[in-house]
Structure formats: C-alpha cells, structure tokens
C-alpha cells in the first residue's frame, strides 16, 4: 500500500492521542519515541504485505498457462492465493 509519510505520521499521532485520552495506555516513553515505533511497525507491515503480493504474483505467473486453460479469474485467484499465504505466514490482512 502506498501511503505518504505525512499521512502515516498524522494517523499514528491521532491513534496515540486517542488511546491516551481514553486511558487505554499509560505511556512510559516520550510521544516521539512511541510515534517512531508505531510508524516503524506500520511500515514493516506494509513491506510484509508487498512481499506477499510479489510472492502471489510469482505463483500466478508460474501457473499462468493453467489459468488461461481453466478460464479462472486471475483477480479471484490472486485473492485466494494471497489469503492462503497470509494465513500460512500468520500475516493479518
């Protein structure tokens, strides 16, 4: 997923402030440290999903001839393969 860094920072800042307002967390670290870790985790999650998408495309490419013969929708197959790989790799989509 492509997201601009400014948007991600604003999103994480909003989430952190709402968690604090609702007393869902009692941070022991400075907000800037927490925001840095939040942004890092979200970016790492985006990278995991991009890697998953590349792997799904590789599988589809490998079996492209079979897909043409079966008249299966490549989009539907992409989603099914992605779901299966995500489950196997314990990635939450």
PDB file of N, CA and C in Angstrom:
ATOM      1  N   UNK A   1       0.847  -1.169   0.000  1.00  0.00           N
ATOM      2  CA  UNK A   1       0.000   0.000   0.000  1.00  0.00           C
ATOM      3  C   UNK A   1       0.893   1.232   0.000  1.00  0.00           C
ATOM      4  N   UNK A   2       0.567   2.146  -0.849  1.00  0.00           N
ATOM      5  CA  UNK A   2       1.311   3.387  -0.924  1.00  0.00           C
ATOM      6  C   UNK A   2       0.616   4.428  -0.049  1.00  0.00           C
ATOM      7  N   UNK A   3       1.346   4.935   0.914  1.00  0.00           N
ATOM      8  CA  UNK A   3       0.815   5.985   1.772  1.00  0.00           C
ATOM      9  C   UNK A   3       1.941   6.982   2.016  1.00  0.00           C
ATOM     10  N   UNK A   4       1.608   8.226   1.964  1.00  0.00           N
ATOM     11  CA  UNK A   4       2.621   9.248   2.176  1.00  0.00           C
ATOM     12  C   UNK A   4       3.004   9.282   3.652  1.00  0.00           C
ATOM     13  N   UNK A   5       4.265   9.559   3.880  1.00  0.00           N
ATOM     14  CA  UNK A   5       4.771   9.539   5.253  1.00  0.00           C
ATOM     15  C   UNK A   5       4.031  10.535   6.142  1.00  0.00           C
ATOM     16  N   UNK A   6       3.678  11.682   5.601  1.00  0.00           N
ATOM     17  CA  UNK A   6       2.952  12.687   6.388  1.00  0.00           C
ATOM     18  C   UNK A   6       1.608  12.143   6.860  1.00  0.00           C
ATOM     19  N   UNK A   7       0.928  11.415   5.975  1.00  0.00           N
ATOM     20  CA  UNK A   7      -0.368  10.841   6.339  1.00  0.00           C
ATOM     21  C   UNK A   7      -0.200   9.770   7.412  1.00  0.00           C
ATOM     22  N   UNK A   8       0.826   8.964   7.266  1.00  0.00           N
ATOM     23  CA  UNK A   8       1.072   7.916   8.251  1.00  0.00           C
ATOM     24  C   UNK A   8       1.405   8.522   9.609  1.00  0.00           C
ATOM     25  N   UNK A   9       2.213   9.566   9.625  1.00  0.00           N
ATOM     26  CA  UNK A   9       2.548  10.225  10.885  1.00  0.00           C
ATOM     27  C   UNK A   9       1.300  10.818  11.537  1.00  0.00           C
ATOM     28  N   UNK A  10       0.472  11.451  10.732  1.00  0.00           N
ATOM     29  CA  UNK A  10      -0.765  12.043  11.276  1.00  0.00           C
ATOM     30  C   UNK A  10      -1.683  10.956  11.818  1.00  0.00           C
ATOM     31  N   UNK A  11      -1.805   9.860  11.097  1.00  0.00           N
ATOM     32  CA  UNK A  11      -2.642   8.746  11.532  1.00  0.00           C
ATOM     33  C   UNK A  11      -2.146   8.187  12.864  1.00  0.00           C
ATOM     34  N   UNK A  12      -0.854   7.913  12.957  1.00  0.00           N
ATOM     35  CA  UNK A  12      -0.284   7.359  14.191  1.00  0.00           C
ATOM     36  C   UNK A  12      -0.416   8.346  15.352  1.00  0.00           C
ATOM     37  N   UNK A  13      -0.207   9.629  15.076  1.00  0.00           N
ATOM     38  CA  UNK A  13      -0.347  10.655  16.116  1.00  0.00           C
ATOM     39  C   UNK A  13      -1.787  10.685  16.635  1.00  0.00           C
ATOM     40  N   UNK A  14      -2.754  10.589  15.731  1.00  0.00           N
ATOM     41  CA  UNK A  14      -4.170  10.591  16.113  1.00  0.00           C
ATOM     42  C   UNK A  14      -4.505   9.366  16.943  1.00  0.00           C
ATOM     43  N   UNK A  15      -4.042   8.203  16.509  1.00  0.00           N
ATOM     44  CA  UNK A  15      -4.305   6.966  17.251  1.00  0.00           C
ATOM     45  C   UNK A  15      -3.710   7.058  18.653  1.00  0.00           C
ATOM     46  N   UNK A  16      -2.465   7.512  18.752  1.00  0.00           N
ATOM     47  CA  UNK A  16      -1.798   7.621  20.049  1.00  0.00           C
ATOM     48  C   UNK A  16      -2.548   8.581  20.965  1.00  0.00           C
ATOM     49  N   UNK A  17      -2.949   9.722  20.439  1.00  0.00           N
ATOM     50  CA  UNK A  17      -3.650  10.697  21.288  1.00  0.00           C
ATOM     51  C   UNK A  17      -4.997  10.149  21.756  1.00  0.00           C
ATOM     52  N   UNK A  18      -5.694   9.426  20.902  1.00  0.00           N
ATOM     53  CA  UNK A  18      -6.990   8.860  21.308  1.00  0.00           C
ATOM     54  C   UNK A  18      -6.817   7.750  22.331  1.00  0.00           C
ATOM     55  N   UNK A  19      -5.780   6.930  22.179  1.00  0.00           N
ATOM     56  CA  UNK A  19      -5.507   5.895  23.174  1.00  0.00           C
ATOM     57  C   UNK A  19      -5.246   6.546  24.535  1.00  0.00           C
ATOM     58  N   UNK A  20      -4.477   7.628  24.525  1.00  0.00           N
ATOM     59  CA  UNK A  20      -4.157   8.306  25.779  1.00  0.00           C
ATOM     60  C   UNK A  20      -5.397   8.967  26.379  1.00  0.00           C
ATOM     61  N   UNK A  21      -6.221   9.621  25.548  1.00  0.00           N
ATOM     62  CA  UNK A  21      -7.445  10.268  26.027  1.00  0.00           C
ATOM     63  C   UNK A  21      -8.384   9.275  26.694  1.00  0.00           C
ATOM     64  N   UNK A  22      -8.472   8.078  26.119  1.00  0.00           N
ATOM     65  CA  UNK A  22      -9.378   7.052  26.647  1.00  0.00           C
ATOM     66  C   UNK A  22      -8.722   6.182  27.714  1.00  0.00           C
ATOM     67  N   UNK A  23      -7.508   6.556  28.114  1.00  0.00           N
ATOM     68  CA  UNK A  23      -6.753   5.806  29.127  1.00  0.00           C
ATOM     69  C   UNK A  23      -6.576   4.335  28.765  1.00  0.00           C
ATOM     70  N   UNK A  24      -6.426   4.089  27.484  1.00  0.00           N
ATOM     71  CA  UNK A  24      -6.157   2.720  27.036  1.00  0.00           C
ATOM     72  C   UNK A  24      -4.688   2.362  27.247  1.00  0.00           C
ATOM     73  N   UNK A  25      -3.852   3.398  27.302  1.00  0.00           N
ATOM     74  CA  UNK A  25      -2.425   3.191  27.554  1.00  0.00           C
ATOM     75  C   UNK A  25      -1.936   4.243  28.543  1.00  0.00           C
ATOM     76  N   UNK A  26      -0.896   3.894  29.260  1.00  0.00           N
ATOM     77  CA  UNK A  26      -0.188   4.847  30.123  1.00  0.00           C
ATOM     78  C   UNK A  26       1.276   4.782  29.708  1.00  0.00           C
ATOM     79  N   UNK A  27       1.651   5.615  28.735  1.00  0.00           N
ATOM     80  CA  UNK A  27       2.997   5.516  28.172  1.00  0.00           C
ATOM     81  C   UNK A  27       4.079   5.853  29.196  1.00  0.00           C
ATOM     82  N   UNK A  28       5.159   5.083  29.113  1.00  0.00           N
ATOM     83  CA  UNK A  28       6.324   5.335  29.955  1.00  0.00           C
ATOM     84  C   UNK A  28       7.420   6.016  29.146  1.00  0.00           C
ATOM     85  N   UNK A  29       7.205   6.149  27.852  1.00  0.00           N
ATOM     86  CA  UNK A  29       8.183   6.775  26.961  1.00  0.00           C
ATOM     87  C   UNK A  29       7.571   8.046  26.383  1.00  0.00           C
ATOM     88  N   UNK A  30       8.423   8.883  25.841  1.00  0.00           N
ATOM     89  CA  UNK A  30       8.022  10.123  25.201  1.00  0.00           C
ATOM     90  C   UNK A  30       7.175   9.817  23.960  1.00  0.00           C
ATOM     91  N   UNK A  31       6.257  10.723  23.635  1.00  0.00           N
ATOM     92  CA  UNK A  31       5.384  10.530  22.466  1.00  0.00           C
ATOM     93  C   UNK A  31       6.173  10.347  21.177  1.00  0.00           C
ATOM     94  N   UNK A  32       7.273  11.089  21.038  1.00  0.00           N
ATOM     95  CA  UNK A  32       8.070  10.969  19.812  1.00  0.00           C
ATOM     96  C   UNK A  32       8.658   9.569  19.658  1.00  0.00           C
ATOM     97  N   UNK A  33       9.066   8.970  20.770  1.00  0.00           N
ATOM     98  CA  UNK A  33       9.605   7.604  20.732  1.00  0.00           C
ATOM     99  C   UNK A  33       8.500   6.626  20.343  1.00  0.00           C
ATOM    100  N   UNK A  34       7.343   6.797  20.971  1.00  0.00           N
ATOM    101  CA  UNK A  34       6.207   5.916  20.654  1.00  0.00           C
ATOM    102  C   UNK A  34       5.772   6.059  19.199  1.00  0.00           C
ATOM    103  N   UNK A  35       5.706   7.291  18.723  1.00  0.00           N
ATOM    104  CA  UNK A  35       5.318   7.515  17.328  1.00  0.00           C
ATOM    105  C   UNK A  35       6.305   6.879  16.375  1.00  0.00           C
ATOM    106  N   UNK A  36       7.585   6.996  16.680  1.00  0.00           N
ATOM    107  CA  UNK A  36       8.599   6.374  15.835  1.00  0.00           C
ATOM    108  C   UNK A  36       8.422   4.867  15.758  1.00  0.00           C
ATOM    109  N   UNK A  37       8.143   4.246  16.901  1.00  0.00           N
ATOM    110  CA  UNK A  37       7.928   2.793  16.920  1.00  0.00           C
ATOM    111  C   UNK A  37       6.642   2.408  16.192  1.00  0.00           C
ATOM    112  N   UNK A  38       5.581   3.199  16.379  1.00  0.00           N
ATOM    113  CA  UNK A  38       4.320   2.915  15.689  1.00  0.00           C
ATOM    114  C   UNK A  38       4.505   2.998  14.178  1.00  0.00           C
ATOM    115  N   UNK A  39       5.131   4.065  13.733  1.00  0.00           N
ATOM    116  CA  UNK A  39       5.354   4.258  12.295  1.00  0.00           C
ATOM    117  C   UNK A  39       6.219   3.126  11.745  1.00  0.00           C
ATOM    118  N   UNK A  40       7.248   2.750  12.490  1.00  0.00           N
ATOM    119  CA  UNK A  40       8.118   1.651  12.063  1.00  0.00           C
ATOM    120  C   UNK A  40       7.364   0.347  11.902  1.00  0.00           C
ATOM    121  N   UNK A  41       6.471   0.051  12.847  1.00  0.00           N
ATOM    122  CA  UNK A  41       5.694  -1.184  12.774  1.00  0.00           C
ATOM    123  C   UNK A  41       4.711  -1.181  11.609  1.00  0.00           C
ATOM    124  N   UNK A  42       4.073  -0.044  11.382  1.00  0.00           N
ATOM    125  CA  UNK A  42       3.122   0.054  10.264  1.00  0.00           C
ATOM    126  C   UNK A  42       3.861  -0.099   8.936  1.00  0.00           C
ATOM    127  N   UNK A  43       5.008   0.561   8.824  1.00  0.00           N
ATOM    128  CA  UNK A  43       5.796   0.450   7.591  1.00  0.00           C
ATOM    129  C   UNK A  43       6.280  -0.982   7.381  1.00  0.00           C
ATOM    130  N   UNK A  44       6.696  -1.652   8.451  1.00  0.00           N
ATOM    131  CA  UNK A  44       7.123  -3.050   8.343  1.00  0.00           C
ATOM    132  C   UNK A  44       5.963  -3.924   7.885  1.00  0.00           C
ATOM    133  N   UNK A  45       4.765  -3.626   8.373  1.00  0.00           N
ATOM    134  CA  UNK A  45       3.587  -4.385   7.958  1.00  0.00           C
ATOM    135  C   UNK A  45       3.293  -4.161   6.477  1.00  0.00           C
ATOM    136  N   UNK A  46       3.433  -2.926   6.013  1.00  0.00           N
ATOM    137  CA  UNK A  46       3.241  -2.638   4.591  1.00  0.00           C
ATOM    138  C   UNK A  46       4.258  -3.416   3.751  1.00  0.00           C
ATOM    139  N   UNK A  47       5.506  -3.448   4.220  1.00  0.00           N
ATOM    140  CA  UNK A  47       6.541  -4.191   3.476  1.00  0.00           C
ATOM    141  C   UNK A  47       6.227  -5.685   3.438  1.00  0.00           C
ATOM    142  N   UNK A  48       5.715  -6.250   4.542  1.00  0.00           N
ATOM    143  CA  UNK A  48       5.341  -7.667   4.551  1.00  0.00           C
ATOM    144  C   UNK A  48       4.232  -7.938   3.547  1.00  0.00           C
ATOM    145  N   UNK A  49       3.266  -7.035   3.471  1.00  0.00           N
ATOM    146  CA  UNK A  49       2.176  -7.235   2.511  1.00  0.00           C
ATOM    147  C   UNK A  49       2.663  -7.088   1.076  1.00  0.00           C
ATOM    148  N   UNK A  50       3.571  -6.153   0.819  1.00  0.00           N
ATOM    149  CA  UNK A  50       4.130  -6.015  -0.527  1.00  0.00           C
ATOM    150  C   UNK A  50       4.902  -7.265  -0.926  1.00  0.00           C
ATOM    151  N   UNK A  51       5.642  -7.837   0.012  1.00  0.00           N
ATOM    152  CA  UNK A  51       6.371  -9.083  -0.260  1.00  0.00           C
ATOM    153  C   UNK A  51       5.392 -10.211  -0.544  1.00  0.00           C
ATOM    154  N   UNK A  52       4.320 -10.257   0.216  1.00  0.00           N
ATOM    155  CA  UNK A  52       3.286 -11.263  -0.002  1.00  0.00           C
ATOM    156  C   UNK A  52       2.688 -11.113  -1.398  1.00  0.00           C
ATOM    157  N   UNK A  53       2.402  -9.880  -1.817  1.00  0.00           N
ATOM    158  CA  UNK A  53       1.854  -9.637  -3.148  1.00  0.00           C
ATOM    159  C   UNK A  53       2.825 -10.109  -4.238  1.00  0.00           C
ATOM    160  N   UNK A  54       4.121  -9.841  -4.043  1.00  0.00           N
ATOM    161  CA  UNK A  54       5.115 -10.297  -5.039  1.00  0.00           C
ATOM    162  C   UNK A  54       5.117 -11.825  -5.127  1.00  0.00           C
ATOM    163  N   UNK A  55       5.028 -12.484  -3.981  1.00  0.00           N
ATOM    164  CA  UNK A  55       5.011 -13.946  -3.983  1.00  0.00           C
ATOM    165  C   UNK A  55       3.764 -14.487  -4.673  1.00  0.00           C
ATOM    166  N   UNK A  56       2.638 -13.848  -4.447  1.00  0.00           N
ATOM    167  CA  UNK A  56       1.389 -14.273  -5.091  1.00  0.00           C
ATOM    168  C   UNK A  56       1.498 -14.092  -6.603  1.00  0.00           C
ATOM    169  N   UNK A  57       2.041 -12.964  -7.035  1.00  0.00           N
ATOM    170  CA  UNK A  57       2.215 -12.732  -8.475  1.00  0.00           C
ATOM    171  C   UNK A  57       3.149 -13.783  -9.087  1.00  0.00           C
ATOM    172  N   UNK A  58       4.191 -14.167  -8.350  1.00  0.00           N
ATOM    173  CA  UNK A  58       5.113 -15.189  -8.848  1.00  0.00           C
ATOM    174  C   UNK A  58       4.398 -16.529  -9.008  1.00  0.00           C
ATOM    175  N   UNK A  59       3.556 -16.869  -8.047  1.00  0.00           N
ATOM    176  CA  UNK A  59       2.798 -18.124  -8.136  1.00  0.00           C
ATOM    177  C   UNK A  59       1.841 -18.077  -9.326  1.00  0.00           C
ATOM    178  N   UNK A  60       1.151 -16.956  -9.491  1.00  0.00           N
ATOM    179  CA  UNK A  60       0.227 -16.821 -10.622  1.00  0.00           C
ATOM    180  C   UNK A  60       0.969 -16.897 -11.949  1.00  0.00           C
ATOM    181  N   UNK A  61       2.130 -16.271 -12.016  1.00  0.00           N
ATOM    182  CA  UNK A  61       2.928 -16.313 -13.247  1.00  0.00           C
ATOM    183  C   UNK A  61       3.356 -17.743 -13.555  1.00  0.00           C
ATOM    184  N   UNK A  62       3.736 -18.459 -12.512  1.00  0.00           N
ATOM    185  CA  UNK A  62       4.180 -19.847 -12.680  1.00  0.00           C
ATOM    186  C   UNK A  62       3.052 -20.720 -13.240  1.00  0.00           C
ATOM    187  N   UNK A  63       1.831 -20.405 -12.861  1.00  0.00           N
ATOM    188  CA  UNK A  63       0.685 -21.220 -13.283  1.00  0.00           C
ATOM    189  C   UNK A  63      -0.210 -20.488 -14.285  1.00  0.00           C
ATOM    190  N   UNK A  64       0.345 -19.511 -14.967  1.00  0.00           N
ATOM    191  CA  UNK A  64      -0.464 -18.698 -15.873  1.00  0.00           C
ATOM    192  C   UNK A  64      -1.096 -19.510 -16.998  1.00  0.00           C
ATOM    193  N   UNK A  65      -0.369 -20.481 -17.521  1.00  0.00           N
ATOM    194  CA  UNK A  65      -0.913 -21.305 -18.613  1.00  0.00           C
ATOM    195  C   UNK A  65      -2.139 -22.082 -18.138  1.00  0.00           C
ATOM    196  N   UNK A  66      -2.064 -22.613 -16.929  1.00  0.00           N
ATOM    197  CA  UNK A  66      -3.204 -23.358 -16.382  1.00  0.00           C
ATOM    198  C   UNK A  66      -4.398 -22.435 -16.165  1.00  0.00           C
ATOM    199  N   UNK A  67      -4.136 -21.195 -15.762  1.00  0.00           N
ATOM    200  CA  UNK A  67      -5.227 -20.244 -15.547  1.00  0.00           C
ATOM    201  C   UNK A  67      -5.941 -19.914 -16.854  1.00  0.00           C
ATOM    202  N   UNK A  68      -5.174 -19.756 -17.916  1.00  0.00           N
ATOM    203  CA  UNK A  68      -5.775 -19.452 -19.216  1.00  0.00           C
ATOM    204  C   UNK A  68      -6.647 -20.625 -19.659  1.00  0.00           C
ATOM    205  N   UNK A  69      -6.134 -21.832 -19.480  1.00  0.00           N
ATOM    206  CA  UNK A  69      -6.888 -23.013 -19.878  1.00  0.00           C
ATOM    207  C   UNK A  69      -8.156 -23.195 -19.055  1.00  0.00           C
ATOM    208  N   UNK A  70      -8.108 -22.830 -17.778  1.00  0.00           N
ATOM    209  CA  UNK A  70      -9.268 -23.054 -16.912  1.00  0.00           C
ATOM    210  C   UNK A  70     -10.260 -21.900 -16.938  1.00  0.00           C
ATOM    211  N   UNK A  71      -9.890 -20.800 -17.567  1.00  0.00           N
ATOM    212  CA  UNK A  71     -10.745 -19.619 -17.653  1.00  0.00           C
ATOM    213  C   UNK A  71     -11.046 -19.027 -16.268  1.00  0.00           C
ATOM    214  N   UNK A  72     -10.188 -19.301 -15.281  1.00  0.00           N
ATOM    215  CA  UNK A  72     -10.364 -18.758 -13.939  1.00  0.00           C
ATOM    216  C   UNK A  72      -9.995 -17.282 -13.936  1.00  0.00           C
ATOM    217  N   UNK A  73     -10.651 -16.534 -13.112  1.00  0.00           N
ATOM    218  CA  UNK A  73     -10.363 -15.109 -12.990  1.00  0.00           C
ATOM    219  C   UNK A  73      -9.042 -14.933 -12.246  1.00  0.00           C
ATOM    220  N   UNK A  74      -8.124 -14.202 -12.854  1.00  0.00           N
ATOM    221  CA  UNK A  74      -6.822 -14.018 -12.216  1.00  0.00           C
ATOM    222  C   UNK A  74      -6.951 -13.200 -10.934  1.00  0.00           C
ATOM    223  N   UNK A  75      -7.894 -12.288 -10.898  1.00  0.00           N
ATOM    224  CA  UNK A  75      -8.091 -11.489  -9.683  1.00  0.00           C
ATOM    225  C   UNK A  75      -8.600 -12.358  -8.532  1.00  0.00           C
ATOM    226  N   UNK A  76      -9.552 -13.215  -8.824  1.00  0.00           N
ATOM    227  CA  UNK A  76     -10.085 -14.111  -7.789  1.00  0.00           C
ATOM    228  C   UNK A  76      -8.993 -15.057  -7.307  1.00  0.00           C
ATOM    229  N   UNK A  77      -8.218 -15.574  -8.237  1.00  0.00           N
ATOM    230  CA  UNK A  77      -7.123 -16.469  -7.855  1.00  0.00           C
ATOM    231  C   UNK A  77      -6.081 -15.715  -7.032  1.00  0.00           C
ATOM    232  N   UNK A  78      -5.788 -14.479  -7.403  1.00  0.00           N
ATOM    233  CA  UNK A  78      -4.845 -13.662  -6.638  1.00  0.00           C
ATOM    234  C   UNK A  78      -5.313 -13.541  -5.195  1.00  0.00           C
ATOM    235  N   UNK A  79      -6.581 -13.209  -5.005  1.00  0.00           N
ATOM    236  CA  UNK A  79      -7.110 -13.032  -3.650  1.00  0.00           C
ATOM    237  C   UNK A  79      -7.074 -14.329  -2.852  1.00  0.00           C
ATOM    238  N   UNK A  80      -7.413 -15.445  -3.497  1.00  0.00           N
ATOM    239  CA  UNK A  80      -7.410 -16.731  -2.790  1.00  0.00           C
ATOM    240  C   UNK A  80      -5.996 -17.147  -2.400  1.00  0.00           C
ATOM    241  N   UNK A  81      -5.061 -16.981  -3.310  1.00  0.00           N
ATOM    242  CA  UNK A  81      -3.672 -17.347  -3.013  1.00  0.00           C
ATOM    243  C   UNK A  81      -3.111 -16.430  -1.932  1.00  0.00           C
ATOM    244  N   UNK A  82      -3.418 -15.151  -2.033  1.00  0.00           N
ATOM    245  CA  UNK A  82      -2.925 -14.200  -1.026  1.00  0.00           C
ATOM    246  C   UNK A  82      -3.479 -14.546   0.354  1.00  0.00           C
ATOM    247  N   UNK A  83      -4.745 -14.871   0.414  1.00  0.00           N
ATOM    248  CA  UNK A  83      -5.365 -15.245   1.689  1.00  0.00           C
ATOM    249  C   UNK A  83      -4.705 -16.493   2.269  1.00  0.00           C
ATOM    250  N   UNK A  84      -4.452 -17.485   1.414  1.00  0.00           N
ATOM    251  CA  UNK A  84      -3.827 -18.720   1.885  1.00  0.00           C
ATOM    252  C   UNK A  84      -2.404 -18.475   2.388  1.00  0.00           C
ATOM    253  N   UNK A  85      -1.616 -17.732   1.609  1.00  0.00           N
ATOM    254  CA  UNK A  85      -0.245 -17.444   2.028  1.00  0.00           C
ATOM    255  C   UNK A  85      -0.212 -16.601   3.298  1.00  0.00           C
ATOM    256  N   UNK A  86      -1.119 -15.646   3.408  1.00  0.00           N
ATOM    257  CA  UNK A  86      -1.179 -14.808   4.613  1.00  0.00           C
ATOM    258  C   UNK A  86      -1.491 -15.667   5.832  1.00  0.00           C
ATOM    259  N   UNK A  87      -2.406 -16.588   5.682  1.00  0.00           N
ATOM    260  CA  UNK A  87      -2.751 -17.477   6.794  1.00  0.00           C
ATOM    261  C   UNK A  87      -1.568 -18.349   7.170  1.00  0.00           C
ATOM    262  N   UNK A  88      -0.863 -18.897   6.169  1.00  0.00           N
ATOM    263  CA  UNK A  88       0.309 -19.748   6.427  1.00  0.00           C
ATOM    264  C   UNK A  88       1.427 -18.964   7.110  1.00  0.00           C
ATOM    265  N   UNK A  89       1.601 -17.699   6.722  1.00  0.00           N
ATOM    266  CA  UNK A  89       2.687 -16.874   7.266  1.00  0.00           C
ATOM    267  C   UNK A  89       2.249 -16.075   8.495  1.00  0.00           C
ATOM    268  N   UNK A  90       0.991 -16.273   8.883  1.00  0.00           N
ATOM    269  CA  UNK A  90       0.418 -15.579  10.039  1.00  0.00           C
ATOM    270  C   UNK A  90       0.501 -14.060   9.888  1.00  0.00           C
ATOM    271  N   UNK A  91       0.110 -13.606   8.690  1.00  0.00           N
ATOM    272  CA  UNK A  91       0.036 -12.180   8.400  1.00  0.00           C
ATOM    273  C   UNK A  91      -1.435 -11.784   8.409  1.00  0.00           C
ATOM    274  N   UNK A  92      -1.753 -10.766   9.176  1.00  0.00           N
ATOM    275  CA  UNK A  92      -3.121 -10.278   9.229  1.00  0.00           C
ATOM    276  C   UNK A  92      -3.306  -9.238   8.145  1.00  0.00           C
ATOM    277  N   UNK A  93      -4.295  -9.455   7.299  1.00  0.00           N
ATOM    278  CA  UNK A  93      -4.557  -8.509   6.204  1.00  0.00           C
ATOM    279  C   UNK A  93      -5.629  -7.526   6.602  1.00  0.00           C
TER     280      UNK A  93
END
